[in-house]
Structures are given as structure tokens and as C-alpha cells.
Amino acid sequence: MDKLKAYWRDFSRYLMEVWIEVRPQKGRVVWPTVDNIKLSTKVVIVSSLGIGVFIGVLDILFGEILKLIIGKGAI
């Protein structure tokens, strides 16, 4: 039973220390602004779409090259 009490005491102390560091007003963590989050989200979406299109084009290109090398009906 003492181990359980010690565990919860340590766990609650840990949570209090974490809260002190991440409090929105007085903590050590600097949270991004809403505008910064929106811009970062747009950058991630556009980058993901761009990379997806690039990989898709490469896939089609290499597929066509392979068809030319081995022939369409080859088994």
C-alpha cells in the first residue's frame, strides 16, 4: 500500500511540475499564436500535396519507362 501511495504522490508532483512549466500565462513554454498555427498548417498541406503530386508523376514516368523496356504484354 505504501508503494501505491508513493506512486500517486510522485505522479501528482510530476503533474504539478509539468503544469507550472506549460501554464499559458506564466509558464516557460512559449505557445505559438493562432496566425502562426494557421500558416504552419497551410505550409504542411501545400507541401504534402506537392510531394504527393511529384511522387505520382515519378510513378507514372517510371511505369511508362518499364513498359517500354519489358514490353506491355511480357509475362
PDB file of N, CA and C in Angstrom:
ATOM      1  N   MET A   1       0.822  -1.191   0.000  1.00  0.00           N
ATOM      2  CA  MET A   1       0.000   0.000   0.000  1.00  0.00           C
ATOM      3  C   MET A   1       0.867   1.256   0.000  1.00  0.00           C
ATOM      4  N   ASP A   2       2.022   1.166   0.675  1.00  0.00           N
ATOM      5  CA  ASP A   2       2.913   2.320   0.716  1.00  0.00           C
ATOM      6  C   ASP A   2       3.474   2.638  -0.666  1.00  0.00           C
ATOM      7  N   LYS A   3       3.721   1.589  -1.464  1.00  0.00           N
ATOM      8  CA  LYS A   3       4.223   1.817  -2.819  1.00  0.00           C
ATOM      9  C   LYS A   3       3.190   2.554  -3.659  1.00  0.00           C
ATOM     10  N   LEU A   4       1.922   2.196  -3.480  1.00  0.00           N
ATOM     11  CA  LEU A   4       0.856   2.854  -4.232  1.00  0.00           C
ATOM     12  C   LEU A   4       0.744   4.320  -3.837  1.00  0.00           C
ATOM     13  N   LYS A   5       0.818   4.602  -2.551  1.00  0.00           N
ATOM     14  CA  LYS A   5       0.765   5.996  -2.089  1.00  0.00           C
ATOM     15  C   LYS A   5       1.956   6.785  -2.614  1.00  0.00           C
ATOM     16  N   ALA A   6       3.127   6.166  -2.584  1.00  0.00           N
ATOM     17  CA  ALA A   6       4.330   6.838  -3.081  1.00  0.00           C
ATOM     18  C   ALA A   6       4.215   7.095  -4.575  1.00  0.00           C
ATOM     19  N   TYR A   7       3.669   6.119  -5.297  1.00  0.00           N
ATOM     20  CA  TYR A   7       3.486   6.296  -6.742  1.00  0.00           C
ATOM     21  C   TYR A   7       2.579   7.485  -7.026  1.00  0.00           C
ATOM     22  N   TRP A   8       1.425   7.545  -6.366  1.00  0.00           N
ATOM     23  CA  TRP A   8       0.484   8.642  -6.613  1.00  0.00           C
ATOM     24  C   TRP A   8       1.055   9.979  -6.165  1.00  0.00           C
ATOM     25  N   ARG A   9       1.825   9.986  -5.075  1.00  0.00           N
ATOM     26  CA  ARG A   9       2.455  11.223  -4.623  1.00  0.00           C
ATOM     27  C   ARG A   9       3.448  11.719  -5.675  1.00  0.00           C
ATOM     28  N   ASP A  10       4.282  10.817  -6.181  1.00  0.00           N
ATOM     29  CA  ASP A  10       5.255  11.190  -7.203  1.00  0.00           C
ATOM     30  C   ASP A  10       4.570  11.608  -8.494  1.00  0.00           C
ATOM     31  N   PHE A  11       3.523  10.873  -8.856  1.00  0.00           N
ATOM     32  CA  PHE A  11       2.801  11.195 -10.085  1.00  0.00           C
ATOM     33  C   PHE A  11       2.132  12.563  -9.980  1.00  0.00           C
ATOM     34  N   SER A  12       1.506  12.862  -8.853  1.00  0.00           N
ATOM     35  CA  SER A  12       0.854  14.168  -8.693  1.00  0.00           C
ATOM     36  C   SER A  12       1.889  15.285  -8.652  1.00  0.00           C
ATOM     37  N   ARG A  13       3.038  15.044  -8.049  1.00  0.00           N
ATOM     38  CA  ARG A  13       4.109  16.043  -8.048  1.00  0.00           C
ATOM     39  C   ARG A  13       4.578  16.307  -9.482  1.00  0.00           C
ATOM     40  N   TYR A  14       4.732  15.228 -10.247  1.00  0.00           N
ATOM     41  CA  TYR A  14       5.139  15.368 -11.650  1.00  0.00           C
ATOM     42  C   TYR A  14       4.130  16.213 -12.423  1.00  0.00           C
ATOM     43  N   LEU A  15       2.843  15.923 -12.262  1.00  0.00           N
ATOM     44  CA  LEU A  15       1.816  16.684 -12.973  1.00  0.00           C
ATOM     45  C   LEU A  15       1.827  18.158 -12.572  1.00  0.00           C
ATOM     46  N   MET A  16       2.046  18.439 -11.297  1.00  0.00           N
ATOM     47  CA  MET A  16       2.119  19.839 -10.856  1.00  0.00           C
ATOM     48  C   MET A  16       3.316  20.546 -11.478  1.00  0.00           C
ATOM     49  N   GLU A  17       4.455  19.869 -11.544  1.00  0.00           N
ATOM     50  CA  GLU A  17       5.641  20.470 -12.155  1.00  0.00           C
ATOM     51  C   GLU A  17       5.438  20.712 -13.643  1.00  0.00           C
ATOM     52  N   VAL A  18       4.800  19.777 -14.313  1.00  0.00           N
ATOM     53  CA  VAL A  18       4.511  19.959 -15.739  1.00  0.00           C
ATOM     54  C   VAL A  18       3.584  21.149 -15.933  1.00  0.00           C
ATOM     55  N   TRP A  19       2.543  21.259 -15.113  1.00  0.00           N
ATOM     56  CA  TRP A  19       1.592  22.363 -15.246  1.00  0.00           C
ATOM     57  C   TRP A  19       2.280  23.704 -15.015  1.00  0.00           C
ATOM     58  N   ILE A  20       3.213  23.764 -14.070  1.00  0.00           N
ATOM     59  CA  ILE A  20       3.939  25.011 -13.809  1.00  0.00           C
ATOM     60  C   ILE A  20       4.708  25.436 -15.055  1.00  0.00           C
ATOM     61  N   GLU A  21       5.273  24.482 -15.780  1.00  0.00           N
ATOM     62  CA  GLU A  21       6.064  24.821 -16.961  1.00  0.00           C
ATOM     63  C   GLU A  21       5.224  25.166 -18.176  1.00  0.00           C
ATOM     64  N   VAL A  22       4.033  24.621 -18.297  1.00  0.00           N
ATOM     65  CA  VAL A  22       3.254  24.830 -19.520  1.00  0.00           C
ATOM     66  C   VAL A  22       2.067  25.764 -19.337  1.00  0.00           C
ATOM     67  N   ARG A  23       1.929  26.394 -18.182  1.00  0.00           N
ATOM     68  CA  ARG A  23       0.810  27.322 -17.985  1.00  0.00           C
ATOM     69  C   ARG A  23       0.823  28.372 -19.083  1.00  0.00           C
ATOM     70  N   PRO A  24      -0.340  28.668 -19.663  1.00  0.00           N
ATOM     71  CA  PRO A  24      -0.392  29.614 -20.781  1.00  0.00           C
ATOM     72  C   PRO A  24       0.130  31.010 -20.444  1.00  0.00           C
ATOM     73  N   GLN A  25      -0.039  31.490 -19.244  1.00  0.00           N
ATOM     74  CA  GLN A  25       0.345  32.868 -18.935  1.00  0.00           C
ATOM     75  C   GLN A  25       1.728  32.980 -18.299  1.00  0.00           C
ATOM     76  N   LYS A  26       2.073  32.091 -17.393  1.00  0.00           N
ATOM     77  CA  LYS A  26       3.282  32.260 -16.590  1.00  0.00           C
ATOM     78  C   LYS A  26       4.322  31.164 -16.789  1.00  0.00           C
ATOM     79  N   GLY A  27       4.048  30.204 -17.617  1.00  0.00           N
ATOM     80  CA  GLY A  27       4.954  29.067 -17.759  1.00  0.00           C
ATOM     81  C   GLY A  27       6.169  29.384 -18.606  1.00  0.00           C
ATOM     82  N   ARG A  28       7.038  28.407 -18.741  1.00  0.00           N
ATOM     83  CA  ARG A  28       8.266  28.555 -19.523  1.00  0.00           C
ATOM     84  C   ARG A  28       8.049  28.282 -21.009  1.00  0.00           C
ATOM     85  N   VAL A  29       6.979  27.597 -21.337  1.00  0.00           N
ATOM     86  CA  VAL A  29       6.708  27.238 -22.729  1.00  0.00           C
ATOM     87  C   VAL A  29       6.118  28.442 -23.453  1.00  0.00           C
ATOM     88  N   VAL A  30       6.636  28.730 -24.644  1.00  0.00           N
ATOM     89  CA  VAL A  30       6.096  29.808 -25.471  1.00  0.00           C
ATOM     90  C   VAL A  30       5.205  29.161 -26.523  1.00  0.00           C
ATOM     91  N   TRP A  31       3.902  29.388 -26.401  1.00  0.00           N
ATOM     92  CA  TRP A  31       2.938  28.775 -27.304  1.00  0.00           C
ATOM     93  C   TRP A  31       2.825  29.605 -28.572  1.00  0.00           C
ATOM     94  N   PRO A  32       2.658  28.970 -29.736  1.00  0.00           N
ATOM     95  CA  PRO A  32       2.513  29.722 -30.987  1.00  0.00           C
ATOM     96  C   PRO A  32       1.177  30.458 -31.032  1.00  0.00           C
ATOM     97  N   THR A  33       1.152  31.526 -31.822  1.00  0.00           N
ATOM     98  CA  THR A  33      -0.085  32.277 -31.987  1.00  0.00           C
ATOM     99  C   THR A  33      -1.003  31.531 -32.948  1.00  0.00           C
ATOM    100  N   VAL A  34      -2.261  31.935 -32.964  1.00  0.00           N
ATOM    101  CA  VAL A  34      -3.238  31.299 -33.856  1.00  0.00           C
ATOM    102  C   VAL A  34      -2.827  31.518 -35.311  1.00  0.00           C
ATOM    103  N   ASP A  35      -2.356  32.724 -35.638  1.00  0.00           N
ATOM    104  CA  ASP A  35      -1.928  33.000 -37.014  1.00  0.00           C
ATOM    105  C   ASP A  35      -0.739  32.125 -37.408  1.00  0.00           C
ATOM    106  N   ASN A  36       0.177  31.923 -36.483  1.00  0.00           N
ATOM    107  CA  ASN A  36       1.335  31.079 -36.756  1.00  0.00           C
ATOM    108  C   ASN A  36       0.907  29.632 -37.001  1.00  0.00           C
ATOM    109  N   ILE A  37      -0.049  29.155 -36.227  1.00  0.00           N
ATOM    110  CA  ILE A  37      -0.554  27.787 -36.408  1.00  0.00           C
ATOM    111  C   ILE A  37      -1.245  27.648 -37.759  1.00  0.00           C
ATOM    112  N   LYS A  38      -2.047  28.653 -38.139  1.00  0.00           N
ATOM    113  CA  LYS A  38      -2.737  28.602 -39.434  1.00  0.00           C
ATOM    114  C   LYS A  38      -1.733  28.578 -40.579  1.00  0.00           C
ATOM    115  N   LEU A  39      -0.698  29.418 -40.497  1.00  0.00           N
ATOM    116  CA  LEU A  39       0.313  29.456 -41.548  1.00  0.00           C
ATOM    117  C   LEU A  39       1.061  28.123 -41.628  1.00  0.00           C
ATOM    118  N   SER A  40       1.434  27.581 -40.484  1.00  0.00           N
ATOM    119  CA  SER A  40       2.145  26.298 -40.469  1.00  0.00           C
ATOM    120  C   SER A  40       1.282  25.183 -41.052  1.00  0.00           C
ATOM    121  N   THR A  41      -0.012  25.209 -40.747  1.00  0.00           N
ATOM    122  CA  THR A  41      -0.925  24.202 -41.282  1.00  0.00           C
ATOM    123  C   THR A  41      -1.007  24.303 -42.801  1.00  0.00           C
ATOM    124  N   LYS A  42      -1.104  25.525 -43.313  1.00  0.00           N
ATOM    125  CA  LYS A  42      -1.150  25.719 -44.768  1.00  0.00           C
ATOM    126  C   LYS A  42       0.129  25.227 -45.424  1.00  0.00           C
ATOM    127  N   VAL A  43       1.273  25.512 -44.813  1.00  0.00           N
ATOM    128  CA  VAL A  43       2.550  25.064 -45.369  1.00  0.00           C
ATOM    129  C   VAL A  43       2.606  23.537 -45.417  1.00  0.00           C
ATOM    130  N   VAL A  44       2.154  22.875 -44.367  1.00  0.00           N
ATOM    131  CA  VAL A  44       2.167  21.409 -44.330  1.00  0.00           C
ATOM    132  C   VAL A  44       1.245  20.835 -45.400  1.00  0.00           C
ATOM    133  N   ILE A  45       0.045  21.407 -45.551  1.00  0.00           N
ATOM    134  CA  ILE A  45      -0.909  20.895 -46.542  1.00  0.00           C
ATOM    135  C   ILE A  45      -0.367  21.075 -47.952  1.00  0.00           C
ATOM    136  N   VAL A  46       0.138  22.267 -48.261  1.00  0.00           N
ATOM    137  CA  VAL A  46       0.657  22.532 -49.607  1.00  0.00           C
ATOM    138  C   VAL A  46       1.878  21.658 -49.885  1.00  0.00           C
ATOM    139  N   SER A  47       2.761  21.527 -48.909  1.00  0.00           N
ATOM    140  CA  SER A  47       3.949  20.682 -49.093  1.00  0.00           C
ATOM    141  C   SER A  47       3.559  19.225 -49.319  1.00  0.00           C
ATOM    142  N   SER A  48       2.606  18.737 -48.550  1.00  0.00           N
ATOM    143  CA  SER A  48       2.165  17.346 -48.704  1.00  0.00           C
ATOM    144  C   SER A  48       1.559  17.109 -50.078  1.00  0.00           C
ATOM    145  N   LEU A  49       0.726  18.035 -50.526  1.00  0.00           N
ATOM    146  CA  LEU A  49       0.135  17.899 -51.861  1.00  0.00           C
ATOM    147  C   LEU A  49       1.205  17.950 -52.944  1.00  0.00           C
ATOM    148  N   GLY A  50       2.156  18.868 -52.804  1.00  0.00           N
ATOM    149  CA  GLY A  50       3.228  18.985 -53.789  1.00  0.00           C
ATOM    150  C   GLY A  50       4.074  17.728 -53.869  1.00  0.00           C
ATOM    151  N   ILE A  51       4.447  17.204 -52.733  1.00  0.00           N
ATOM    152  CA  ILE A  51       5.253  15.985 -52.711  1.00  0.00           C
ATOM    153  C   ILE A  51       4.449  14.805 -53.253  1.00  0.00           C
ATOM    154  N   GLY A  52       3.162  14.747 -52.932  1.00  0.00           N
ATOM    155  CA  GLY A  52       2.311  13.679 -53.457  1.00  0.00           C
ATOM    156  C   GLY A  52       2.216  13.713 -54.971  1.00  0.00           C
ATOM    157  N   VAL A  53       2.040  14.909 -55.527  1.00  0.00           N
ATOM    158  CA  VAL A  53       1.978  15.051 -56.992  1.00  0.00           C
ATOM    159  C   VAL A  53       3.313  14.658 -57.609  1.00  0.00           C
ATOM    160  N   PHE A  54       4.409  15.101 -57.007  1.00  0.00           N
ATOM    161  CA  PHE A  54       5.740  14.779 -57.518  1.00  0.00           C
ATOM    162  C   PHE A  54       5.965  13.267 -57.541  1.00  0.00           C
ATOM    163  N   ILE A  55       5.633  12.591 -56.458  1.00  0.00           N
ATOM    164  CA  ILE A  55       5.809  11.138 -56.400  1.00  0.00           C
ATOM    165  C   ILE A  55       4.876  10.450 -57.392  1.00  0.00           C
ATOM    166  N   GLY A  56       3.664  10.964 -57.558  1.00  0.00           N
ATOM    167  CA  GLY A  56       2.740  10.392 -58.536  1.00  0.00           C
ATOM    168  C   GLY A  56       3.266  10.502 -59.954  1.00  0.00           C
ATOM    169  N   VAL A  57       3.829  11.660 -60.289  1.00  0.00           N
ATOM    170  CA  VAL A  57       4.398  11.855 -61.633  1.00  0.00           C
ATOM    171  C   VAL A  57       5.580  10.910 -61.842  1.00  0.00           C
ATOM    172  N   LEU A  58       6.436  10.785 -60.830  1.00  0.00           N
ATOM    173  CA  LEU A  58       7.562   9.851 -60.955  1.00  0.00           C
ATOM    174  C   LEU A  58       7.075   8.417 -61.132  1.00  0.00           C
ATOM    175  N   ASP A  59       6.030   8.042 -60.428  1.00  0.00           N
ATOM    176  CA  ASP A  59       5.475   6.694 -60.538  1.00  0.00           C
ATOM    177  C   ASP A  59       4.985   6.430 -61.957  1.00  0.00           C
ATOM    178  N   ILE A  60       4.249   7.370 -62.505  1.00  0.00           N
ATOM    179  CA  ILE A  60       3.751   7.214 -63.879  1.00  0.00           C
ATOM    180  C   ILE A  60       4.915   7.161 -64.862  1.00  0.00           C
ATOM    181  N   LEU A  61       5.892   8.046 -64.676  1.00  0.00           N
ATOM    182  CA  LEU A  61       7.044   8.101 -65.575  1.00  0.00           C
ATOM    183  C   LEU A  61       7.826   6.787 -65.549  1.00  0.00           C
ATOM    184  N   PHE A  62       8.150   6.302 -64.363  1.00  0.00           N
ATOM    185  CA  PHE A  62       8.898   5.050 -64.276  1.00  0.00           C
ATOM    186  C   PHE A  62       8.071   3.864 -64.765  1.00  0.00           C
ATOM    187  N   GLY A  63       6.770   3.897 -64.565  1.00  0.00           N
ATOM    188  CA  GLY A  63       5.908   2.838 -65.091  1.00  0.00           C
ATOM    189  C   GLY A  63       5.952   2.787 -66.605  1.00  0.00           C
ATOM    190  N   GLU A  64       5.897   3.954 -67.232  1.00  0.00           N
ATOM    191  CA  GLU A  64       5.961   4.003 -68.698  1.00  0.00           C
ATOM    192  C   GLU A  64       7.327   3.558 -69.206  1.00  0.00           C
ATOM    193  N   ILE A  65       8.385   3.944 -68.508  1.00  0.00           N
ATOM    194  CA  ILE A  65       9.729   3.511 -68.912  1.00  0.00           C
ATOM    195  C   ILE A  65       9.848   1.990 -68.809  1.00  0.00           C
ATOM    196  N   LEU A  66       9.318   1.417 -67.743  1.00  0.00           N
ATOM    197  CA  LEU A  66       9.356  -0.039 -67.601  1.00  0.00           C
ATOM    198  C   LEU A  66       8.553  -0.732 -68.695  1.00  0.00           C
ATOM    199  N   LYS A  67       7.417  -0.148 -69.071  1.00  0.00           N
ATOM    200  CA  LYS A  67       6.626  -0.735 -70.163  1.00  0.00           C
ATOM    201  C   LYS A  67       7.422  -0.742 -71.456  1.00  0.00           C
ATOM    202  N   LEU A  68       8.177   0.321 -71.703  1.00  0.00           N
ATOM    203  CA  LEU A  68       8.993   0.372 -72.917  1.00  0.00           C
ATOM    204  C   LEU A  68      10.119  -0.661 -72.873  1.00  0.00           C
ATOM    205  N   ILE A  69      10.703  -0.856 -71.691  1.00  0.00           N
ATOM    206  CA  ILE A  69      11.834  -1.774 -71.575  1.00  0.00           C
ATOM    207  C   ILE A  69      11.386  -3.228 -71.677  1.00  0.00           C
ATOM    208  N   ILE A  70      10.354  -3.613 -70.935  1.00  0.00           N
ATOM    209  CA  ILE A  70       9.978  -5.030 -70.902  1.00  0.00           C
ATOM    210  C   ILE A  70       8.803  -5.350 -71.811  1.00  0.00           C
ATOM    211  N   GLY A  71       8.180  -4.370 -72.383  1.00  0.00           N
ATOM    212  CA  GLY A  71       7.054  -4.603 -73.276  1.00  0.00           C
ATOM    213  C   GLY A  71       5.755  -4.725 -72.503  1.00  0.00           C
ATOM    214  N   LYS A  72       4.659  -4.337 -73.141  1.00  0.00           N
ATOM    215  CA  LYS A  72       3.355  -4.322 -72.471  1.00  0.00           C
ATOM    216  C   LYS A  72       2.847  -5.723 -72.169  1.00  0.00           C
ATOM    217  N   GLY A  73       3.016  -6.670 -73.094  1.00  0.00           N
ATOM    218  CA  GLY A  73       2.427  -7.988 -72.931  1.00  0.00           C
ATOM    219  C   GLY A  73       3.381  -9.024 -72.362  1.00  0.00           C
ATOM    220  N   ALA A  74       4.528  -8.623 -71.899  1.00  0.00           N
ATOM    221  CA  ALA A  74       5.512  -9.588 -71.396  1.00  0.00           C
ATOM    222  C   ALA A  74       5.031 -10.207 -70.090  1.00  0.00           C
ATOM    223  N   ILE A  75       5.347 -11.482 -69.924  1.00  0.00           N
ATOM    224  CA  ILE A  75       4.949 -12.184 -68.693  1.00  0.00           C
ATOM    225  C   ILE A  75       6.178 -12.433 -67.856  1.00  0.00           C
TER     226      ILE A  75
END
